[in-house]
Amino acid sequence: MFVRLFIKSLPLDTQLKYVLKNGLYIGPRKTTGRTAHLYIIDKKVVEVFYHQDDINNKPEKITWLPGLENLESHLQRDLIK
């Protein structure tokens, strides 16, 4: 819990380095005309949006979800928007 709060408080570039080093890439998903890239670390799911949807650009937004069950509800909320 503490580690997740600590990581979330870091700058986006540092969070992304942590995700790329320790995470397993699940794949992209399309949402509202954007592409999000999903990673899994331990039992946490991480959703990363890049500027202009290009993975070579800096991260725009990183969302940390506590687990797969939270991913399902996150995706459902996204569909409702």
Protein backbone atom coordinates (compact mmCIF):
# COMPACT_ATOMS: atom_id res chain seq x y z
CA MET A 1 0.00 0.00 0.00
CA PHE A 2 2.71 2.45 1.01
CA VAL A 3 4.79 1.62 -2.07
CA ARG A 4 1.84 2.30 -4.38
CA LEU A 5 1.15 5.67 -2.71
CA PHE A 6 4.83 6.54 -2.93
CA ILE A 7 5.03 5.61 -6.61
CA LYS A 8 1.86 7.55 -7.45
CA SER A 9 3.42 10.68 -5.89
CA LEU A 10 6.42 10.54 -8.24
CA PRO A 11 6.55 12.47 -11.54
CA LEU A 12 4.93 10.71 -14.51
CA ASP A 13 8.29 10.05 -16.22
CA THR A 14 9.59 8.26 -13.12
CA GLN A 15 6.38 6.27 -12.75
CA LEU A 16 6.64 5.19 -16.39
CA LYS A 17 10.24 4.04 -15.93
CA TYR A 18 9.11 1.93 -12.96
CA VAL A 19 6.23 0.46 -14.98
CA LEU A 20 8.42 -0.36 -17.99
CA LYS A 21 11.10 -1.95 -15.81
CA ASN A 22 8.83 -4.01 -13.53
CA GLY A 23 5.61 -4.45 -15.49
CA LEU A 24 4.31 -6.90 -18.03
CA TYR A 25 2.73 -5.31 -21.10
CA ILE A 26 -0.84 -6.55 -21.62
CA GLY A 27 -1.63 -4.54 -24.74
CA PRO A 28 -3.38 -1.45 -26.05
CA ARG A 29 -7.05 -0.58 -25.78
CA LYS A 30 -9.05 2.07 -27.62
CA THR A 31 -11.11 4.46 -25.53
CA THR A 32 -12.92 7.63 -26.64
CA GLY A 33 -10.68 8.02 -29.67
CA ARG A 34 -7.52 7.50 -27.62
CA THR A 35 -5.20 4.54 -27.13
CA ALA A 36 -4.36 3.43 -23.62
CA HIS A 37 -1.58 0.93 -22.95
CA LEU A 38 -2.14 -1.59 -20.16
CA TYR A 39 0.56 -3.10 -17.97
CA ILE A 40 0.37 -5.39 -14.95
CA ILE A 41 2.72 -5.23 -11.97
CA ASP A 42 2.23 -7.80 -9.21
CA LYS A 43 -1.57 -7.73 -8.94
CA LYS A 44 -1.94 -4.09 -9.99
CA VAL A 45 -3.04 -2.90 -13.42
CA VAL A 46 -1.53 0.28 -14.84
CA GLU A 47 -3.09 2.26 -17.69
CA VAL A 48 -0.80 4.69 -19.51
CA PHE A 49 -1.84 7.41 -21.96
CA TYR A 50 0.92 9.03 -24.02
CA HIS A 51 0.88 12.48 -25.64
CA GLN A 52 -0.56 12.14 -29.16
CA ASP A 53 -0.99 8.38 -28.48
CA ASP A 54 2.64 7.79 -29.44
CA ILE A 55 4.60 5.54 -27.08
CA ASN A 56 7.75 7.45 -28.01
CA ASN A 57 6.31 10.60 -26.39
CA LYS A 58 6.10 11.43 -22.69
CA PRO A 59 3.29 9.98 -20.60
CA GLU A 60 0.19 12.16 -20.33
CA LYS A 61 -1.70 10.23 -17.67
CA ILE A 62 -1.06 7.10 -15.61
CA THR A 63 -3.88 5.34 -13.78
CA TRP A 64 -3.08 2.73 -11.12
CA LEU A 65 -5.78 0.14 -10.44
CA PRO A 66 -5.51 -2.20 -7.42
CA GLY A 67 -6.39 -5.37 -9.34
CA LEU A 68 -8.13 -7.06 -12.21
CA GLU A 69 -11.57 -6.72 -10.64
CA ASN A 70 -11.00 -2.96 -10.53
CA LEU A 71 -9.99 -3.03 -14.19
CA GLU A 72 -13.37 -4.47 -15.11
CA SER A 73 -15.28 -1.74 -13.25
CA HIS A 74 -12.91 0.90 -14.66
CA LEU A 75 -13.65 -0.30 -18.19
CA GLN A 76 -17.41 -0.32 -17.55
CA ARG A 77 -17.29 3.25 -16.22
CA ASP A 78 -15.34 4.23 -19.33
CA LEU A 79 -18.02 2.72 -21.59
CA ILE A 80 -20.75 4.69 -19.84
CA LYS A 81 -19.00 8.05 -20.48
